[in-house]
Amino acid sequence: MQNKDNQSKRIFLKSTHQWVEVSEEYFRDHIRYYDALRKRQQSHGQCVCPKNKFWLCDGDCFTCEFHRAGDMISLDNTIENEEGDTCSLLNNLVDPTPSIEEIICDKIELDRLFARLNELMPEAIEIGKLRLDGFSDEEIAKSIGIKRTTFLSRLKKIKEQLSHKHPDLF
């Protein structure tokens, strides 16, 4: 009697109806690949292969006797709605990218916001650049020639004015 470690591994080839001896490593890779494929198909409701027939799995799901083709729906497949119009599921997918109109409106609103900010505080662009460079409030205030508390109170006042005009942005 052979030891379990020395037993050869076999894979059934459904196309030729024969068993083929393979190495342990190839057998593990084969089982891992086809188990993952079968589980994915089962989770999509397309495979109903019973556990005692897993050894038959060769990855050719469309010719398999355990494949449930009726559950597959393509996005290109046309369906008829209540009014009798035909459409595909692909037509009902929402495009997450913003439309050109939205982009233009946002750009116009941003330009107006910057213009108003420039009216309220002409040094705002310089402050923004210093902030992006990692300067502290004290360093920024010193750079524009005012006290830190004055700088912070001006920022607070401007933020209140802008948030009153643009509440959705602040």
N, C-alpha and C. Protein backbone atom coordinates (compact mmCIF):
# COMPACT_ATOMS: atom_id res chain seq x y z
N MET A 1 0.84 -1.17 0.00
CA MET A 1 0.00 0.00 0.00
C MET A 1 0.88 1.24 0.00
N GLN A 2 0.52 2.23 -0.80
CA GLN A 2 1.33 3.42 -0.93
C GLN A 2 1.05 4.39 0.21
N ASN A 3 2.08 5.14 0.56
CA ASN A 3 1.94 6.19 1.54
C ASN A 3 1.15 7.34 0.89
N LYS A 4 0.35 8.09 1.68
CA LYS A 4 -0.45 9.17 1.11
C LYS A 4 0.41 10.21 0.42
N ASP A 5 1.60 10.49 0.96
CA ASP A 5 2.49 11.50 0.37
C ASP A 5 3.01 11.06 -0.99
N ASN A 6 3.14 9.76 -1.20
CA ASN A 6 3.72 9.26 -2.44
C ASN A 6 2.66 8.97 -3.50
N GLN A 7 1.38 9.10 -3.17
CA GLN A 7 0.34 8.82 -4.14
C GLN A 7 0.36 9.88 -5.23
N SER A 8 0.15 9.45 -6.46
CA SER A 8 0.12 10.39 -7.57
C SER A 8 -1.25 11.06 -7.59
N LYS A 9 -1.27 12.26 -8.10
CA LYS A 9 -2.51 13.02 -8.21
C LYS A 9 -3.02 12.89 -9.64
N ARG A 10 -4.33 12.85 -9.75
CA ARG A 10 -4.93 12.70 -11.08
C ARG A 10 -5.98 13.76 -11.31
N ILE A 11 -6.06 14.16 -12.57
CA ILE A 11 -7.06 15.14 -13.00
C ILE A 11 -7.84 14.50 -14.14
N PHE A 12 -9.16 14.69 -14.08
CA PHE A 12 -10.01 14.14 -15.13
C PHE A 12 -10.15 15.15 -16.26
N LEU A 13 -9.86 14.72 -17.48
CA LEU A 13 -10.03 15.57 -18.65
C LEU A 13 -11.38 15.23 -19.28
N LYS A 14 -12.31 16.14 -19.14
CA LYS A 14 -13.67 15.89 -19.60
C LYS A 14 -13.74 15.75 -21.12
N SER A 15 -12.87 16.45 -21.83
CA SER A 15 -12.91 16.42 -23.29
C SER A 15 -12.53 15.04 -23.85
N THR A 16 -11.58 14.36 -23.18
CA THR A 16 -11.15 13.04 -23.66
C THR A 16 -11.68 11.90 -22.80
N HIS A 17 -12.35 12.25 -21.71
CA HIS A 17 -12.88 11.26 -20.75
C HIS A 17 -11.77 10.35 -20.22
N GLN A 18 -10.64 10.97 -19.86
CA GLN A 18 -9.51 10.22 -19.34
C GLN A 18 -8.97 10.88 -18.08
N TRP A 19 -8.34 10.06 -17.23
CA TRP A 19 -7.63 10.55 -16.06
C TRP A 19 -6.17 10.73 -16.43
N VAL A 20 -5.57 11.83 -15.97
CA VAL A 20 -4.17 12.12 -16.26
C VAL A 20 -3.44 12.34 -14.95
N GLU A 21 -2.29 11.68 -14.81
CA GLU A 21 -1.49 11.86 -13.61
C GLU A 21 -0.69 13.15 -13.73
N VAL A 22 -0.67 13.92 -12.62
CA VAL A 22 0.04 15.20 -12.61
C VAL A 22 0.82 15.32 -11.32
N SER A 23 1.72 16.27 -11.28
CA SER A 23 2.51 16.49 -10.08
C SER A 23 1.64 17.12 -8.99
N GLU A 24 2.10 17.03 -7.76
CA GLU A 24 1.39 17.59 -6.61
C GLU A 24 1.20 19.10 -6.78
N GLU A 25 2.24 19.79 -7.23
CA GLU A 25 2.17 21.24 -7.40
C GLU A 25 1.15 21.63 -8.47
N TYR A 26 1.18 20.93 -9.60
CA TYR A 26 0.23 21.21 -10.67
C TYR A 26 -1.19 20.92 -10.20
N PHE A 27 -1.37 19.84 -9.46
CA PHE A 27 -2.69 19.47 -8.96
C PHE A 27 -3.24 20.56 -8.04
N ARG A 28 -2.39 21.08 -7.12
CA ARG A 28 -2.84 22.14 -6.20
C ARG A 28 -3.22 23.40 -6.97
N ASP A 29 -2.39 23.78 -7.96
CA ASP A 29 -2.70 24.97 -8.76
C ASP A 29 -4.00 24.79 -9.53
N HIS A 30 -4.18 23.59 -10.11
CA HIS A 30 -5.38 23.27 -10.88
C HIS A 30 -6.63 23.37 -9.99
N ILE A 31 -6.58 22.76 -8.83
CA ILE A 31 -7.73 22.77 -7.91
C ILE A 31 -8.02 24.19 -7.44
N ARG A 32 -6.98 24.92 -7.09
CA ARG A 32 -7.17 26.30 -6.61
C ARG A 32 -7.83 27.16 -7.69
N TYR A 33 -7.36 27.06 -8.92
CA TYR A 33 -7.91 27.87 -10.01
C TYR A 33 -9.38 27.52 -10.29
N TYR A 34 -9.67 26.23 -10.44
CA TYR A 34 -11.03 25.84 -10.81
C TYR A 34 -12.01 25.96 -9.65
N ASP A 35 -11.54 25.84 -8.42
CA ASP A 35 -12.41 26.10 -7.27
C ASP A 35 -12.82 27.57 -7.23
N ALA A 36 -11.85 28.46 -7.46
CA ALA A 36 -12.15 29.90 -7.46
C ALA A 36 -13.13 30.24 -8.59
N LEU A 37 -12.91 29.67 -9.77
CA LEU A 37 -13.79 29.92 -10.91
C LEU A 37 -15.21 29.42 -10.61
N ARG A 38 -15.32 28.22 -10.09
CA ARG A 38 -16.63 27.64 -9.78
C ARG A 38 -17.35 28.45 -8.71
N LYS A 39 -16.62 28.86 -7.66
CA LYS A 39 -17.25 29.66 -6.59
C LYS A 39 -17.75 30.99 -7.12
N ARG A 40 -16.98 31.59 -8.01
CA ARG A 40 -17.41 32.87 -8.61
C ARG A 40 -18.68 32.65 -9.43
N GLN A 41 -18.72 31.59 -10.21
CA GLN A 41 -19.91 31.29 -11.01
C GLN A 41 -21.10 30.96 -10.12
N GLN A 42 -20.86 30.26 -9.03
CA GLN A 42 -21.94 29.92 -8.11
C GLN A 42 -22.48 31.17 -7.42
N SER A 43 -21.60 32.11 -7.07
CA SER A 43 -22.06 33.33 -6.42
C SER A 43 -22.90 34.19 -7.37
N HIS A 44 -22.70 34.03 -8.67
CA HIS A 44 -23.49 34.75 -9.66
C HIS A 44 -24.73 33.96 -10.07
N GLY A 45 -24.91 32.79 -9.45
CA GLY A 45 -26.08 31.98 -9.75
C GLY A 45 -26.00 31.26 -11.08
N GLN A 46 -24.81 31.07 -11.63
CA GLN A 46 -24.67 30.47 -12.95
C GLN A 46 -24.17 29.03 -12.89
N CYS A 47 -23.75 28.57 -11.72
CA CYS A 47 -23.25 27.20 -11.59
C CYS A 47 -24.00 26.52 -10.46
N VAL A 48 -24.52 25.33 -10.75
CA VAL A 48 -25.21 24.54 -9.73
C VAL A 48 -24.58 23.15 -9.62
N CYS A 49 -23.28 23.12 -9.79
CA CYS A 49 -22.54 21.85 -9.74
C CYS A 49 -22.60 21.27 -8.32
N PRO A 50 -23.05 20.01 -8.18
CA PRO A 50 -23.06 19.40 -6.85
C PRO A 50 -21.64 19.09 -6.38
N LYS A 51 -21.46 19.05 -5.08
CA LYS A 51 -20.13 18.86 -4.52
C LYS A 51 -19.46 17.57 -5.00
N ASN A 52 -20.22 16.51 -5.17
CA ASN A 52 -19.63 15.24 -5.59
C ASN A 52 -19.24 15.22 -7.07
N LYS A 53 -19.50 16.33 -7.79
CA LYS A 53 -19.12 16.42 -9.20
C LYS A 53 -18.09 17.52 -9.46
N PHE A 54 -17.50 18.10 -8.39
CA PHE A 54 -16.51 19.16 -8.56
C PHE A 54 -15.33 18.69 -9.42
N TRP A 55 -15.00 17.41 -9.35
CA TRP A 55 -13.86 16.90 -10.10
C TRP A 55 -14.08 17.01 -11.61
N LEU A 56 -15.32 17.21 -12.05
CA LEU A 56 -15.62 17.35 -13.47
C LEU A 56 -15.34 18.75 -14.01
N CYS A 57 -15.17 19.72 -13.12
CA CYS A 57 -15.05 21.11 -13.55
C CYS A 57 -13.78 21.32 -14.38
N ASP A 58 -14.01 21.81 -15.60
CA ASP A 58 -12.87 22.10 -16.48
C ASP A 58 -12.83 23.57 -16.89
N GLY A 59 -13.68 24.39 -16.27
CA GLY A 59 -13.68 25.82 -16.53
C GLY A 59 -14.48 26.24 -17.75
N ASP A 60 -15.01 25.29 -18.50
CA ASP A 60 -15.82 25.61 -19.68
C ASP A 60 -17.28 25.65 -19.26
N CYS A 61 -17.65 26.75 -18.64
CA CYS A 61 -18.97 26.86 -18.02
C CYS A 61 -20.12 26.81 -19.02
N PHE A 62 -19.90 27.30 -20.23
CA PHE A 62 -21.00 27.38 -21.18
C PHE A 62 -21.40 26.02 -21.75
N THR A 63 -20.50 25.03 -21.69
CA THR A 63 -20.86 23.70 -22.18
C THR A 63 -21.11 22.72 -21.04
N CYS A 64 -20.98 23.19 -19.81
CA CYS A 64 -21.14 22.33 -18.65
C CYS A 64 -22.62 22.00 -18.42
N GLU A 65 -22.87 20.77 -18.02
CA GLU A 65 -24.26 20.35 -17.78
C GLU A 65 -24.85 21.01 -16.54
N PHE A 66 -24.02 21.59 -15.69
CA PHE A 66 -24.50 22.22 -14.46
C PHE A 66 -24.58 23.75 -14.57
N HIS A 67 -24.44 24.26 -15.77
CA HIS A 67 -24.50 25.71 -15.99
C HIS A 67 -25.95 26.16 -16.14
N ARG A 68 -26.29 27.27 -15.48
CA ARG A 68 -27.64 27.84 -15.58
C ARG A 68 -27.59 29.07 -16.47
N ALA A 69 -27.79 28.87 -17.75
CA ALA A 69 -27.68 29.96 -18.72
C ALA A 69 -28.83 30.95 -18.62
N GLY A 70 -29.95 30.55 -18.10
CA GLY A 70 -31.11 31.43 -18.04
C GLY A 70 -30.90 32.63 -17.13
N ASP A 71 -29.96 32.57 -16.21
CA ASP A 71 -29.74 33.65 -15.27
C ASP A 71 -28.78 34.70 -15.78
N MET A 72 -28.17 34.48 -16.93
CA MET A 72 -27.21 35.46 -17.44
C MET A 72 -27.94 36.55 -18.20
N ILE A 73 -27.68 37.79 -17.81
CA ILE A 73 -28.28 38.92 -18.50
C ILE A 73 -27.14 39.84 -18.93
N SER A 74 -27.10 40.13 -20.20
CA SER A 74 -26.09 41.04 -20.73
C SER A 74 -26.60 42.46 -20.63
N LEU A 75 -25.68 43.41 -20.44
CA LEU A 75 -26.08 44.82 -20.42
C LEU A 75 -26.57 45.27 -21.79
N ASP A 76 -26.16 44.57 -22.84
CA ASP A 76 -26.61 44.90 -24.19
C ASP A 76 -27.96 44.27 -24.54
N ASN A 77 -28.41 43.34 -23.70
CA ASN A 77 -29.67 42.65 -23.94
C ASN A 77 -30.82 43.65 -23.88
N THR A 78 -31.65 43.67 -24.91
CA THR A 78 -32.76 44.62 -24.92
C THR A 78 -33.96 44.02 -24.20
N ILE A 79 -34.65 44.88 -23.44
CA ILE A 79 -35.86 44.46 -22.73
C ILE A 79 -36.97 45.46 -23.07
N GLU A 80 -38.19 45.04 -22.82
CA GLU A 80 -39.32 45.90 -23.12
C GLU A 80 -39.89 46.42 -21.82
N ASN A 81 -40.13 47.74 -21.75
CA ASN A 81 -40.70 48.31 -20.53
C ASN A 81 -42.22 48.30 -20.59
N GLU A 82 -42.87 48.94 -19.60
CA GLU A 82 -44.33 48.91 -19.49
C GLU A 82 -45.03 49.56 -20.69
N GLU A 83 -44.40 50.59 -21.27
CA GLU A 83 -45.01 51.30 -22.40
C GLU A 83 -44.79 50.59 -23.73
N GLY A 84 -44.02 49.53 -23.73
CA GLY A 84 -43.75 48.80 -24.97
C GLY A 84 -42.48 49.23 -25.66
N ASP A 85 -41.75 50.19 -25.08
CA ASP A 85 -40.49 50.63 -25.66
C ASP A 85 -39.39 49.65 -25.30
N THR A 86 -38.46 49.44 -26.24
CA THR A 86 -37.33 48.56 -25.94
C THR A 86 -36.13 49.41 -25.56
N CYS A 87 -35.41 48.94 -24.57
CA CYS A 87 -34.19 49.61 -24.15
C CYS A 87 -33.24 48.55 -23.59
N SER A 88 -31.99 48.91 -23.47
CA SER A 88 -31.03 47.98 -22.90
C SER A 88 -30.68 48.44 -21.49
N LEU A 89 -30.19 47.53 -20.70
CA LEU A 89 -29.77 47.88 -19.34
C LEU A 89 -28.61 48.87 -19.37
N LEU A 90 -27.83 48.84 -20.44
CA LEU A 90 -26.71 49.75 -20.59
C LEU A 90 -27.18 51.20 -20.67
N ASN A 91 -28.39 51.41 -21.20
CA ASN A 91 -28.95 52.77 -21.29
C ASN A 91 -29.30 53.33 -19.92
N ASN A 92 -29.51 52.46 -18.94
CA ASN A 92 -29.95 52.89 -17.62
C ASN A 92 -28.80 53.13 -16.64
N LEU A 93 -27.58 52.85 -17.06
CA LEU A 93 -26.43 53.09 -16.20
C LEU A 93 -26.19 54.59 -16.05
N VAL A 94 -25.90 55.02 -14.84
CA VAL A 94 -25.65 56.43 -14.58
C VAL A 94 -24.17 56.71 -14.82
N ASP A 95 -23.92 57.77 -15.58
CA ASP A 95 -22.54 58.19 -15.84
C ASP A 95 -22.11 59.10 -14.69
N PRO A 96 -21.10 58.69 -13.91
CA PRO A 96 -20.72 59.49 -12.73
C PRO A 96 -19.93 60.76 -13.07
N THR A 97 -19.49 60.90 -14.30
CA THR A 97 -18.71 62.08 -14.65
C THR A 97 -19.63 63.29 -14.79
N PRO A 98 -19.16 64.45 -14.34
CA PRO A 98 -20.02 65.64 -14.43
C PRO A 98 -20.18 66.09 -15.89
N SER A 99 -21.32 66.68 -16.18
CA SER A 99 -21.56 67.17 -17.53
C SER A 99 -20.76 68.45 -17.76
N ILE A 100 -20.60 68.82 -19.02
CA ILE A 100 -19.84 70.03 -19.35
C ILE A 100 -20.55 71.26 -18.79
N GLU A 101 -21.88 71.22 -18.74
CA GLU A 101 -22.63 72.34 -18.17
C GLU A 101 -22.30 72.53 -16.69
N GLU A 102 -22.23 71.42 -15.95
CA GLU A 102 -21.89 71.49 -14.53
C GLU A 102 -20.49 72.05 -14.33
N ILE A 103 -19.56 71.62 -15.16
CA ILE A 103 -18.18 72.09 -15.05
C ILE A 103 -18.09 73.59 -15.32
N ILE A 104 -18.79 74.04 -16.35
CA ILE A 104 -18.77 75.47 -16.69
C ILE A 104 -19.42 76.29 -15.58
N CYS A 105 -20.54 75.82 -15.05
CA CYS A 105 -21.21 76.54 -13.95
C CYS A 105 -20.31 76.62 -12.72
N ASP A 106 -19.65 75.52 -12.41
CA ASP A 106 -18.72 75.52 -11.26
C ASP A 106 -17.57 76.49 -11.48
N LYS A 107 -17.06 76.54 -12.70
CA LYS A 107 -15.96 77.46 -13.02
C LYS A 107 -16.40 78.91 -12.88
N ILE A 108 -17.60 79.22 -13.36
CA ILE A 108 -18.12 80.59 -13.25
C ILE A 108 -18.31 80.96 -11.78
N GLU A 109 -18.86 80.04 -10.99
CA GLU A 109 -19.07 80.31 -9.57
C GLU A 109 -17.74 80.49 -8.84
N LEU A 110 -16.75 79.68 -9.19
CA LEU A 110 -15.43 79.80 -8.57
C LEU A 110 -14.77 81.13 -8.94
N ASP A 111 -14.90 81.55 -10.19
CA ASP A 111 -14.34 82.84 -10.61
C ASP A 111 -15.00 83.99 -9.83
N ARG A 112 -16.32 83.92 -9.65
CA ARG A 112 -17.02 84.95 -8.88
C ARG A 112 -16.56 84.95 -7.42
N LEU A 113 -16.38 83.76 -6.87
CA LEU A 113 -15.94 83.64 -5.48
C LEU A 113 -14.54 84.24 -5.31
N PHE A 114 -13.63 83.97 -6.25
CA PHE A 114 -12.29 84.54 -6.17
C PHE A 114 -12.31 86.06 -6.35
N ALA A 115 -13.18 86.54 -7.23
CA ALA A 115 -13.28 87.99 -7.43
C ALA A 115 -13.77 88.67 -6.16
N ARG A 116 -14.78 88.09 -5.52
CA ARG A 116 -15.31 88.66 -4.27
C ARG A 116 -14.27 88.57 -3.17
N LEU A 117 -13.54 87.48 -3.09
CA LEU A 117 -12.48 87.32 -2.09
C LEU A 117 -11.39 88.36 -2.32
N ASN A 118 -11.06 88.63 -3.57
CA ASN A 118 -10.05 89.63 -3.89
C ASN A 118 -10.51 91.03 -3.49
N GLU A 119 -11.82 91.31 -3.62
CA GLU A 119 -12.36 92.60 -3.17
C GLU A 119 -12.25 92.74 -1.66
N LEU A 120 -12.60 91.66 -0.94
CA LEU A 120 -12.61 91.71 0.52
C LEU A 120 -11.21 91.71 1.12
N MET A 121 -10.30 90.98 0.49
CA MET A 121 -8.94 90.85 1.03
C MET A 121 -7.98 90.70 -0.14
N PRO A 122 -7.39 91.77 -0.62
CA PRO A 122 -6.51 91.72 -1.79
C PRO A 122 -5.31 90.79 -1.62
N GLU A 123 -4.85 90.58 -0.39
CA GLU A 123 -3.69 89.71 -0.18
C GLU A 123 -4.08 88.24 -0.03
N ALA A 124 -5.31 87.87 -0.37
CA ALA A 124 -5.81 86.51 -0.19
C ALA A 124 -5.01 85.48 -1.00
N ILE A 125 -4.63 85.82 -2.21
CA ILE A 125 -3.88 84.87 -3.05
C ILE A 125 -2.52 84.59 -2.42
N GLU A 126 -1.87 85.64 -1.94
CA GLU A 126 -0.57 85.46 -1.27
C GLU A 126 -0.74 84.61 -0.01
N ILE A 127 -1.80 84.85 0.75
CA ILE A 127 -2.07 84.07 1.97
C ILE A 127 -2.28 82.60 1.61
N GLY A 128 -3.03 82.37 0.55
CA GLY A 128 -3.27 81.00 0.11
C GLY A 128 -1.99 80.28 -0.27
N LYS A 129 -1.11 80.96 -0.98
CA LYS A 129 0.17 80.35 -1.37
C LYS A 129 1.03 80.05 -0.14
N LEU A 130 1.05 80.99 0.81
CA LEU A 130 1.82 80.76 2.04
C LEU A 130 1.24 79.58 2.83
N ARG A 131 -0.08 79.47 2.86
CA ARG A 131 -0.72 78.37 3.57
C ARG A 131 -0.35 77.03 2.92
N LEU A 132 -0.36 77.00 1.59
CA LEU A 132 0.01 75.77 0.88
C LEU A 132 1.47 75.40 1.12
N ASP A 133 2.32 76.40 1.35
CA ASP A 133 3.73 76.14 1.64
C ASP A 133 3.96 75.71 3.08
N GLY A 134 2.90 75.69 3.90
CA GLY A 134 3.01 75.18 5.26
C GLY A 134 3.32 76.23 6.31
N PHE A 135 3.16 77.50 5.99
CA PHE A 135 3.42 78.55 6.96
C PHE A 135 2.31 78.59 8.01
N SER A 136 2.68 78.97 9.24
CA SER A 136 1.69 79.08 10.33
C SER A 136 0.97 80.42 10.21
N ASP A 137 -0.11 80.57 10.99
CA ASP A 137 -0.86 81.83 10.98
C ASP A 137 0.02 83.00 11.39
N GLU A 138 0.86 82.77 12.38
CA GLU A 138 1.74 83.83 12.86
C GLU A 138 2.73 84.25 11.77
N GLU A 139 3.30 83.29 11.07
CA GLU A 139 4.25 83.59 10.00
C GLU A 139 3.57 84.32 8.84
N ILE A 140 2.34 83.93 8.53
CA ILE A 140 1.59 84.58 7.44
C ILE A 140 1.28 86.03 7.84
N ALA A 141 0.81 86.22 9.07
CA ALA A 141 0.49 87.57 9.54
C ALA A 141 1.72 88.47 9.49
N LYS A 142 2.85 87.93 9.92
CA LYS A 142 4.10 88.71 9.89
C LYS A 142 4.48 89.05 8.45
N SER A 143 4.25 88.11 7.52
CA SER A 143 4.60 88.30 6.12
C SER A 143 3.79 89.42 5.47
N ILE A 144 2.50 89.54 5.86
CA ILE A 144 1.68 90.60 5.25
C ILE A 144 1.66 91.87 6.10
N GLY A 145 2.37 91.84 7.23
CA GLY A 145 2.58 93.06 8.01
C GLY A 145 1.50 93.42 9.01
N ILE A 146 0.79 92.42 9.55
CA ILE A 146 -0.22 92.69 10.58
C ILE A 146 -0.05 91.71 11.73
N LYS A 147 -0.75 91.96 12.85
CA LYS A 147 -0.69 91.06 14.00
C LYS A 147 -1.47 89.79 13.69
N ARG A 148 -1.10 88.72 14.40
CA ARG A 148 -1.76 87.44 14.20
C ARG A 148 -3.25 87.53 14.55
N THR A 149 -3.61 88.17 15.64
CA THR A 149 -5.01 88.28 16.04
C THR A 149 -5.81 89.09 15.03
N THR A 150 -5.21 90.13 14.49
CA THR A 150 -5.88 90.93 13.44
C THR A 150 -6.09 90.07 12.19
N PHE A 151 -5.07 89.33 11.84
CA PHE A 151 -5.14 88.43 10.68
C PHE A 151 -6.27 87.42 10.85
N LEU A 152 -6.33 86.77 12.03
CA LEU A 152 -7.36 85.76 12.28
C LEU A 152 -8.76 86.37 12.30
N SER A 153 -8.91 87.57 12.87
CA SER A 153 -10.24 88.20 12.90
C SER A 153 -10.69 88.60 11.50
N ARG A 154 -9.75 89.04 10.65
CA ARG A 154 -10.10 89.37 9.26
C ARG A 154 -10.54 88.11 8.51
N LEU A 155 -9.82 87.02 8.72
CA LEU A 155 -10.20 85.76 8.07
C LEU A 155 -11.59 85.32 8.49
N LYS A 156 -11.87 85.44 9.78
CA LYS A 156 -13.19 85.04 10.30
C LYS A 156 -14.29 85.91 9.70
N LYS A 157 -14.05 87.21 9.63
CA LYS A 157 -15.03 88.15 9.07
C LYS A 157 -15.29 87.85 7.60
N ILE A 158 -14.25 87.61 6.84
CA ILE A 158 -14.39 87.32 5.41
C ILE A 158 -15.10 85.99 5.20
N LYS A 159 -14.78 85.00 6.02
CA LYS A 159 -15.45 83.70 5.91
C LYS A 159 -16.94 83.84 6.18
N GLU A 160 -17.32 84.65 7.17
CA GLU A 160 -18.74 84.88 7.46
C GLU A 160 -19.44 85.55 6.28
N GLN A 161 -18.79 86.54 5.67
CA GLN A 161 -19.39 87.23 4.53
C GLN A 161 -19.56 86.29 3.34
N LEU A 162 -18.54 85.49 3.08
CA LEU A 162 -18.62 84.56 1.94
C LEU A 162 -19.60 83.42 2.21
N SER A 163 -19.66 82.95 3.44
CA SER A 163 -20.58 81.86 3.75
C SER A 163 -22.03 82.33 3.71
N HIS A 164 -22.25 83.63 3.97
CA HIS A 164 -23.60 84.17 3.85
C HIS A 164 -24.03 84.18 2.38
N LYS A 165 -23.10 84.55 1.49
CA LYS A 165 -23.39 84.62 0.04
C LYS A 165 -23.37 83.22 -0.61
N HIS A 166 -22.49 82.34 -0.12
CA HIS A 166 -22.33 80.97 -0.68
C HIS A 166 -22.41 79.93 0.43
N PRO A 167 -23.58 79.69 1.01
CA PRO A 167 -23.69 78.78 2.16
C PRO A 167 -23.34 77.32 1.83
N ASP A 168 -23.52 76.91 0.58
CA ASP A 168 -23.22 75.52 0.22
C ASP A 168 -21.73 75.24 0.12
N LEU A 169 -20.90 76.28 0.08
CA LEU A 169 -19.45 76.08 -0.04
C LEU A 169 -18.74 76.16 1.31
N PHE A 170 -19.38 76.76 2.30
CA PHE A 170 -18.73 76.95 3.60
C PHE A 170 -19.48 76.25 4.70
